[in-house]
PDB file of N, CA and C in Angstrom:
ATOM      1  N   UNK A   1       0.821  -1.191   0.000  1.00  0.00           N
ATOM      2  CA  UNK A   1       0.000   0.000   0.000  1.00  0.00           C
ATOM      3  C   UNK A   1       0.867   1.258   0.000  1.00  0.00           C
ATOM      4  N   UNK A   2       2.153   1.123   0.231  1.00  0.00           N
ATOM      5  CA  UNK A   2       3.016   2.298   0.237  1.00  0.00           C
ATOM      6  C   UNK A   2       3.311   2.795  -1.165  1.00  0.00           C
ATOM      7  N   UNK A   3       3.063   1.978  -2.176  1.00  0.00           N
ATOM      8  CA  UNK A   3       3.469   2.316  -3.536  1.00  0.00           C
ATOM      9  C   UNK A   3       2.347   2.867  -4.398  1.00  0.00           C
ATOM     10  N   UNK A   4       1.170   2.949  -3.903  1.00  0.00           N
ATOM     11  CA  UNK A   4       0.066   3.465  -4.688  1.00  0.00           C
ATOM     12  C   UNK A   4      -1.268   3.092  -4.074  1.00  0.00           C
ATOM     13  N   UNK A   5      -2.282   3.576  -4.710  1.00  0.00           N
ATOM     14  CA  UNK A   5      -3.639   3.360  -4.226  1.00  0.00           C
ATOM     15  C   UNK A   5      -4.050   1.904  -4.420  1.00  0.00           C
ATOM     16  N   UNK A   6      -4.603   1.328  -3.377  1.00  0.00           N
ATOM     17  CA  UNK A   6      -5.075  -0.052  -3.445  1.00  0.00           C
ATOM     18  C   UNK A   6      -6.519  -0.044  -3.928  1.00  0.00           C
ATOM     19  N   UNK A   7      -6.727  -0.495  -5.142  1.00  0.00           N
ATOM     20  CA  UNK A   7      -8.064  -0.524  -5.748  1.00  0.00           C
ATOM     21  C   UNK A   7      -8.690  -1.909  -5.702  1.00  0.00           C
ATOM     22  N   UNK A   8      -7.879  -2.936  -5.858  1.00  0.00           N
ATOM     23  CA  UNK A   8      -8.391  -4.304  -5.847  1.00  0.00           C
ATOM     24  C   UNK A   8      -7.253  -5.236  -5.471  1.00  0.00           C
ATOM     25  N   UNK A   9      -7.617  -6.380  -4.988  1.00  0.00           N
ATOM     26  CA  UNK A   9      -6.635  -7.366  -4.570  1.00  0.00           C
ATOM     27  C   UNK A   9      -7.086  -8.072  -3.306  1.00  0.00           C
ATOM     28  N   UNK A  10      -6.152  -8.716  -2.674  1.00  0.00           N
ATOM     29  CA  UNK A  10      -6.443  -9.494  -1.485  1.00  0.00           C
ATOM     30  C   UNK A  10      -5.552  -9.002  -0.350  1.00  0.00           C
ATOM     31  N   UNK A  11      -6.147  -8.825   0.817  1.00  0.00           N
ATOM     32  CA  UNK A  11      -5.433  -8.363   1.997  1.00  0.00           C
ATOM     33  C   UNK A  11      -5.728  -9.338   3.126  1.00  0.00           C
ATOM     34  N   UNK A  12      -4.696  -9.657   3.918  1.00  0.00           N
ATOM     35  CA  UNK A  12      -4.880 -10.593   5.021  1.00  0.00           C
ATOM     36  C   UNK A  12      -4.310 -10.011   6.302  1.00  0.00           C
ATOM     37  N   UNK A  13      -4.846 -10.492   7.420  1.00  0.00           N
ATOM     38  CA  UNK A  13      -4.287 -10.156   8.723  1.00  0.00           C
ATOM     39  C   UNK A  13      -4.412 -11.366   9.629  1.00  0.00           C
ATOM     40  N   UNK A  14      -3.489 -11.473  10.564  1.00  0.00           N
ATOM     41  CA  UNK A  14      -3.514 -12.563  11.528  1.00  0.00           C
ATOM     42  C   UNK A  14      -3.718 -11.967  12.912  1.00  0.00           C
ATOM     43  N   UNK A  15      -4.694 -12.481  13.602  1.00  0.00           N
ATOM     44  CA  UNK A  15      -4.933 -12.202  15.018  1.00  0.00           C
ATOM     45  C   UNK A  15      -5.018 -13.595  15.644  1.00  0.00           C
ATOM     46  N   UNK A  16      -3.839 -14.162  15.874  1.00  0.00           N
ATOM     47  CA  UNK A  16      -3.747 -15.572  16.229  1.00  0.00           C
ATOM     48  C   UNK A  16      -4.712 -15.933  17.351  1.00  0.00           C
ATOM     49  N   UNK A  17      -5.446 -17.004  17.170  1.00  0.00           N
ATOM     50  CA  UNK A  17      -5.267 -18.073  16.211  1.00  0.00           C
ATOM     51  C   UNK A  17      -6.030 -17.880  14.900  1.00  0.00           C
ATOM     52  N   UNK A  18      -6.614 -16.707  14.695  1.00  0.00           N
ATOM     53  CA  UNK A  18      -7.420 -16.499  13.487  1.00  0.00           C
ATOM     54  C   UNK A  18      -6.638 -15.766  12.406  1.00  0.00           C
ATOM     55  N   UNK A  19      -6.968 -16.110  11.164  1.00  0.00           N
ATOM     56  CA  UNK A  19      -6.442 -15.394  10.011  1.00  0.00           C
ATOM     57  C   UNK A  19      -7.620 -15.004   9.141  1.00  0.00           C
ATOM     58  N   UNK A  20      -7.669 -13.744   8.791  1.00  0.00           N
ATOM     59  CA  UNK A  20      -8.738 -13.215   7.936  1.00  0.00           C
ATOM     60  C   UNK A  20      -8.128 -12.775   6.623  1.00  0.00           C
ATOM     61  N   UNK A  21      -8.751 -13.167   5.538  1.00  0.00           N
ATOM     62  CA  UNK A  21      -8.362 -12.700   4.221  1.00  0.00           C
ATOM     63  C   UNK A  21      -9.603 -12.110   3.571  1.00  0.00           C
ATOM     64  N   UNK A  22      -9.467 -10.904   3.051  1.00  0.00           N
ATOM     65  CA  UNK A  22     -10.603 -10.249   2.418  1.00  0.00           C
ATOM     66  C   UNK A  22     -10.170  -9.679   1.078  1.00  0.00           C
ATOM     67  N   UNK A  23     -11.097  -9.600   0.169  1.00  0.00           N
ATOM     68  CA  UNK A  23     -10.823  -9.050  -1.157  1.00  0.00           C
ATOM     69  C   UNK A  23     -11.267  -7.603  -1.207  1.00  0.00           C
ATOM     70  N   UNK A  24     -10.454  -6.790  -1.822  1.00  0.00           N
ATOM     71  CA  UNK A  24     -10.719  -5.368  -1.992  1.00  0.00           C
ATOM     72  C   UNK A  24     -11.152  -5.144  -3.437  1.00  0.00           C
ATOM     73  N   UNK A  25     -12.183  -4.361  -3.612  1.00  0.00           N
ATOM     74  CA  UNK A  25     -12.661  -4.046  -4.963  1.00  0.00           C
ATOM     75  C   UNK A  25     -13.848  -4.900  -5.358  1.00  0.00           C
ATOM     76  N   UNK A  26     -14.299  -4.732  -6.596  1.00  0.00           N
ATOM     77  CA  UNK A  26     -15.484  -5.462  -7.061  1.00  0.00           C
ATOM     78  C   UNK A  26     -15.219  -6.959  -7.173  1.00  0.00           C
ATOM     79  N   UNK A  27     -16.267  -7.719  -6.944  1.00  0.00           N
ATOM     80  CA  UNK A  27     -16.196  -9.174  -7.045  1.00  0.00           C
ATOM     81  C   UNK A  27     -17.303  -9.639  -7.977  1.00  0.00           C
ATOM     82  N   UNK A  28     -16.939 -10.467  -8.919  1.00  0.00           N
ATOM     83  CA  UNK A  28     -17.928 -11.036  -9.835  1.00  0.00           C
ATOM     84  C   UNK A  28     -18.696 -12.144  -9.119  1.00  0.00           C
ATOM     85  N   UNK A  29     -19.986 -11.991  -9.006  1.00  0.00           N
ATOM     86  CA  UNK A  29     -20.811 -12.961  -8.272  1.00  0.00           C
ATOM     87  C   UNK A  29     -20.877 -14.315  -8.962  1.00  0.00           C
ATOM     88  N   UNK A  30     -20.512 -14.385 -10.231  1.00  0.00           N
ATOM     89  CA  UNK A  30     -20.629 -15.643 -10.965  1.00  0.00           C
ATOM     90  C   UNK A  30     -19.346 -16.469 -10.957  1.00  0.00           C
ATOM     91  N   UNK A  31     -18.269 -15.949 -10.385  1.00  0.00           N
ATOM     92  CA  UNK A  31     -17.016 -16.691 -10.386  1.00  0.00           C
ATOM     93  C   UNK A  31     -16.921 -17.558  -9.133  1.00  0.00           C
ATOM     94  N   UNK A  32     -16.128 -18.624  -9.189  1.00  0.00           N
ATOM     95  CA  UNK A  32     -15.995 -19.499  -8.015  1.00  0.00           C
ATOM     96  C   UNK A  32     -15.415 -18.779  -6.794  1.00  0.00           C
ATOM     97  N   UNK A  33     -14.628 -17.740  -6.998  1.00  0.00           N
ATOM     98  CA  UNK A  33     -14.015 -17.006  -5.893  1.00  0.00           C
ATOM     99  C   UNK A  33     -14.794 -15.742  -5.552  1.00  0.00           C
ATOM    100  N   UNK A  34     -16.113 -15.802  -5.642  1.00  0.00           N
ATOM    101  CA  UNK A  34     -16.936 -14.619  -5.433  1.00  0.00           C
ATOM    102  C   UNK A  34     -17.123 -14.275  -3.953  1.00  0.00           C
ATOM    103  N   UNK A  35     -16.550 -15.053  -3.060  1.00  0.00           N
ATOM    104  CA  UNK A  35     -16.651 -14.773  -1.632  1.00  0.00           C
ATOM    105  C   UNK A  35     -15.634 -13.694  -1.272  1.00  0.00           C
ATOM    106  N   UNK A  36     -16.061 -12.680  -0.551  1.00  0.00           N
ATOM    107  CA  UNK A  36     -15.166 -11.584  -0.174  1.00  0.00           C
ATOM    108  C   UNK A  36     -14.278 -11.955   1.010  1.00  0.00           C
ATOM    109  N   UNK A  37     -14.830 -12.591   2.034  1.00  0.00           N
ATOM    110  CA  UNK A  37     -14.094 -12.842   3.271  1.00  0.00           C
ATOM    111  C   UNK A  37     -13.839 -14.327   3.491  1.00  0.00           C
ATOM    112  N   UNK A  38     -12.647 -14.609   3.990  1.00  0.00           N
ATOM    113  CA  UNK A  38     -12.282 -15.971   4.402  1.00  0.00           C
ATOM    114  C   UNK A  38     -11.679 -15.867   5.792  1.00  0.00           C
ATOM    115  N   UNK A  39     -12.094 -16.749   6.670  1.00  0.00           N
ATOM    116  CA  UNK A  39     -11.596 -16.767   8.043  1.00  0.00           C
ATOM    117  C   UNK A  39     -11.163 -18.185   8.374  1.00  0.00           C
ATOM    118  N   UNK A  40      -9.990 -18.291   8.996  1.00  0.00           N
ATOM    119  CA  UNK A  40      -9.441 -19.604   9.339  1.00  0.00           C
ATOM    120  C   UNK A  40      -8.954 -19.601  10.783  1.00  0.00           C
ATOM    121  N   UNK A  41      -8.996 -20.760  11.419  1.00  0.00           N
ATOM    122  CA  UNK A  41      -8.390 -20.968  12.744  1.00  0.00           C
ATOM    123  C   UNK A  41      -7.060 -21.680  12.504  1.00  0.00           C
ATOM    124  N   UNK A  42      -5.970 -20.947  12.586  1.00  0.00           N
ATOM    125  CA  UNK A  42      -4.663 -21.502  12.265  1.00  0.00           C
ATOM    126  C   UNK A  42      -4.230 -22.602  13.217  1.00  0.00           C
ATOM    127  N   UNK A  43      -4.667 -22.540  14.476  1.00  0.00           N
ATOM    128  CA  UNK A  43      -4.288 -23.585  15.423  1.00  0.00           C
ATOM    129  C   UNK A  43      -4.985 -24.919  15.129  1.00  0.00           C
ATOM    130  N   UNK A  44      -6.164 -24.867  14.513  1.00  0.00           N
ATOM    131  CA  UNK A  44      -6.912 -26.076  14.192  1.00  0.00           C
ATOM    132  C   UNK A  44      -6.839 -26.428  12.705  1.00  0.00           C
ATOM    133  N   UNK A  45      -6.489 -25.466  11.881  1.00  0.00           N
ATOM    134  CA  UNK A  45      -6.511 -25.638  10.422  1.00  0.00           C
ATOM    135  C   UNK A  45      -5.316 -24.897   9.801  1.00  0.00           C
ATOM    136  N   UNK A  46      -4.086 -25.345  10.062  1.00  0.00           N
ATOM    137  CA  UNK A  46      -2.915 -24.617   9.571  1.00  0.00           C
ATOM    138  C   UNK A  46      -2.807 -24.573   8.048  1.00  0.00           C
ATOM    139  N   UNK A  47      -3.476 -25.470   7.349  1.00  0.00           N
ATOM    140  CA  UNK A  47      -3.445 -25.476   5.886  1.00  0.00           C
ATOM    141  C   UNK A  47      -4.510 -24.563   5.275  1.00  0.00           C
ATOM    142  N   UNK A  48      -5.331 -23.942   6.115  1.00  0.00           N
ATOM    143  CA  UNK A  48      -6.395 -23.024   5.680  1.00  0.00           C
ATOM    144  C   UNK A  48      -7.342 -23.692   4.675  1.00  0.00           C
ATOM    145  N   UNK A  49      -7.855 -24.836   5.073  1.00  0.00           N
ATOM    146  CA  UNK A  49      -8.744 -25.605   4.209  1.00  0.00           C
ATOM    147  C   UNK A  49     -10.225 -25.400   4.539  1.00  0.00           C
ATOM    148  N   UNK A  50     -10.522 -24.928   5.768  1.00  0.00           N
ATOM    149  CA  UNK A  50     -11.907 -24.828   6.221  1.00  0.00           C
ATOM    150  C   UNK A  50     -12.243 -23.382   6.570  1.00  0.00           C
ATOM    151  N   UNK A  51     -12.933 -22.729   5.674  1.00  0.00           N
ATOM    152  CA  UNK A  51     -13.340 -21.334   5.860  1.00  0.00           C
ATOM    153  C   UNK A  51     -14.472 -21.285   6.890  1.00  0.00           C
ATOM    154  N   UNK A  52     -14.269 -20.503   7.950  1.00  0.00           N
ATOM    155  CA  UNK A  52     -15.272 -20.408   9.015  1.00  0.00           C
ATOM    156  C   UNK A  52     -15.892 -19.010   9.093  1.00  0.00           C
ATOM    157  N   UNK A  53     -15.750 -18.211   8.043  1.00  0.00           N
ATOM    158  CA  UNK A  53     -16.264 -16.837   8.061  1.00  0.00           C
ATOM    159  C   UNK A  53     -17.778 -16.795   8.243  1.00  0.00           C
ATOM    160  N   UNK A  54     -18.508 -17.597   7.528  1.00  0.00           N
ATOM    161  CA  UNK A  54     -19.960 -17.592   7.608  1.00  0.00           C
ATOM    162  C   UNK A  54     -20.451 -18.010   8.994  1.00  0.00           C
ATOM    163  N   UNK A  55     -19.752 -18.927   9.609  1.00  0.00           N
ATOM    164  CA  UNK A  55     -20.150 -19.415  10.934  1.00  0.00           C
ATOM    165  C   UNK A  55     -19.752 -18.454  12.058  1.00  0.00           C
ATOM    166  N   UNK A  56     -18.927 -17.457  11.754  1.00  0.00           N
ATOM    167  CA  UNK A  56     -18.440 -16.514  12.758  1.00  0.00           C
ATOM    168  C   UNK A  56     -18.594 -15.077  12.270  1.00  0.00           C
ATOM    169  N   UNK A  57     -19.830 -14.610  12.059  1.00  0.00           N
ATOM    170  CA  UNK A  57     -20.026 -13.287  11.455  1.00  0.00           C
ATOM    171  C   UNK A  57     -19.489 -12.133  12.306  1.00  0.00           C
ATOM    172  N   UNK A  58     -19.531 -12.241  13.622  1.00  0.00           N
ATOM    173  CA  UNK A  58     -19.024 -11.153  14.469  1.00  0.00           C
ATOM    174  C   UNK A  58     -17.509 -11.009  14.344  1.00  0.00           C
ATOM    175  N   UNK A  59     -16.798 -12.128  14.394  1.00  0.00           N
ATOM    176  CA  UNK A  59     -15.338 -12.105  14.245  1.00  0.00           C
ATOM    177  C   UNK A  59     -14.971 -11.619  12.848  1.00  0.00           C
ATOM    178  N   UNK A  60     -15.683 -12.112  11.847  1.00  0.00           N
ATOM    179  CA  UNK A  60     -15.424 -11.713  10.470  1.00  0.00           C
ATOM    180  C   UNK A  60     -15.600 -10.207  10.304  1.00  0.00           C
ATOM    181  N   UNK A  61     -16.668  -9.655  10.831  1.00  0.00           N
ATOM    182  CA  UNK A  61     -16.931  -8.210  10.712  1.00  0.00           C
ATOM    183  C   UNK A  61     -15.875  -7.398  11.448  1.00  0.00           C
ATOM    184  N   UNK A  62     -15.478  -7.834  12.634  1.00  0.00           N
ATOM    185  CA  UNK A  62     -14.461  -7.106  13.410  1.00  0.00           C
ATOM    186  C   UNK A  62     -13.122  -7.103  12.688  1.00  0.00           C
ATOM    187  N   UNK A  63     -12.728  -8.258  12.171  1.00  0.00           N
ATOM    188  CA  UNK A  63     -11.435  -8.330  11.489  1.00  0.00           C
ATOM    189  C   UNK A  63     -11.472  -7.589  10.158  1.00  0.00           C
ATOM    190  N   UNK A  64     -12.602  -7.649   9.445  1.00  0.00           N
ATOM    191  CA  UNK A  64     -12.720  -6.887   8.200  1.00  0.00           C
ATOM    192  C   UNK A  64     -12.578  -5.395   8.473  1.00  0.00           C
ATOM    193  N   UNK A  65     -13.190  -4.909   9.546  1.00  0.00           N
ATOM    194  CA  UNK A  65     -13.076  -3.493   9.900  1.00  0.00           C
ATOM    195  C   UNK A  65     -11.620  -3.126  10.190  1.00  0.00           C
ATOM    196  N   UNK A  66     -10.883  -4.025  10.824  1.00  0.00           N
ATOM    197  CA  UNK A  66      -9.466  -3.771  11.099  1.00  0.00           C
ATOM    198  C   UNK A  66      -8.639  -3.703   9.827  1.00  0.00           C
ATOM    199  N   UNK A  67      -9.052  -4.433   8.827  1.00  0.00           N
ATOM    200  CA  UNK A  67      -8.358  -4.394   7.535  1.00  0.00           C
ATOM    201  C   UNK A  67      -8.767  -3.155   6.750  1.00  0.00           C
ATOM    202  N   UNK A  68     -10.051  -2.818   6.774  1.00  0.00           N
ATOM    203  CA  UNK A  68     -10.551  -1.724   5.944  1.00  0.00           C
ATOM    204  C   UNK A  68     -10.044  -0.352   6.389  1.00  0.00           C
ATOM    205  N   UNK A  69      -9.728  -0.176   7.670  1.00  0.00           N
ATOM    206  CA  UNK A  69      -9.256   1.129   8.153  1.00  0.00           C
ATOM    207  C   UNK A  69      -7.964   1.559   7.454  1.00  0.00           C
ATOM    208  N   UNK A  70      -6.900   0.755   7.429  1.00  0.00           N
ATOM    209  CA  UNK A  70      -5.700   1.188   6.715  1.00  0.00           C
ATOM    210  C   UNK A  70      -5.889   1.260   5.199  1.00  0.00           C
ATOM    211  N   UNK A  71      -6.778   0.444   4.649  1.00  0.00           N
ATOM    212  CA  UNK A  71      -7.063   0.522   3.214  1.00  0.00           C
ATOM    213  C   UNK A  71      -7.700   1.872   2.895  1.00  0.00           C
ATOM    214  N   UNK A  72      -8.620   2.327   3.742  1.00  0.00           N
ATOM    215  CA  UNK A  72      -9.247   3.639   3.540  1.00  0.00           C
ATOM    216  C   UNK A  72      -8.213   4.752   3.653  1.00  0.00           C
ATOM    217  N   UNK A  73      -7.286   4.642   4.597  1.00  0.00           N
ATOM    218  CA  UNK A  73      -6.224   5.637   4.720  1.00  0.00           C
ATOM    219  C   UNK A  73      -5.356   5.664   3.471  1.00  0.00           C
ATOM    220  N   UNK A  74      -5.091   4.501   2.922  1.00  0.00           N
ATOM    221  CA  UNK A  74      -4.310   4.412   1.698  1.00  0.00           C
ATOM    222  C   UNK A  74      -5.014   5.134   0.553  1.00  0.00           C
ATOM    223  N   UNK A  75      -6.314   4.952   0.442  1.00  0.00           N
ATOM    224  CA  UNK A  75      -7.071   5.615  -0.633  1.00  0.00           C
ATOM    225  C   UNK A  75      -7.048   7.118  -0.487  1.00  0.00           C
ATOM    226  N   UNK A  76      -7.096   7.612   0.755  1.00  0.00           N
ATOM    227  CA  UNK A  76      -7.042   9.066   0.983  1.00  0.00           C
ATOM    228  C   UNK A  76      -5.678   9.629   0.617  1.00  0.00           C
ATOM    229  N   UNK A  77      -4.644   8.851   0.839  1.00  0.00           N
ATOM    230  CA  UNK A  77      -3.283   9.312   0.569  1.00  0.00           C
ATOM    231  C   UNK A  77      -2.956   9.325  -0.914  1.00  0.00           C
ATOM    232  N   UNK A  78      -3.623   8.457  -1.685  1.00  0.00           N
ATOM    233  CA  UNK A  78      -3.357   8.344  -3.118  1.00  0.00           C
ATOM    234  C   UNK A  78      -4.644   8.641  -3.897  1.00  0.00           C
ATOM    235  N   UNK A  79      -4.990   9.909  -4.058  1.00  0.00           N
ATOM    236  CA  UNK A  79      -6.255  10.242  -4.760  1.00  0.00           C
ATOM    237  C   UNK A  79      -6.257   9.821  -6.213  1.00  0.00           C
TER     238      UNK A  79
END
């Protein structure tokens, strides 16, 4: 994010034992990867095979907000 405005891509954060990965930008609803958020328990699923985002909406929303704050700052810095 230091090199320019982040318009689309994937951003992740770890708040052990959880890892959240979210997509930035538009998502095509018809593609297999149309899910925006992925959440994993690294202590129970180190290979990140079982997405638990849907089953944990509060954790997913909290971690997404933590990711979106610096992304928003990046957008303000790079008009």
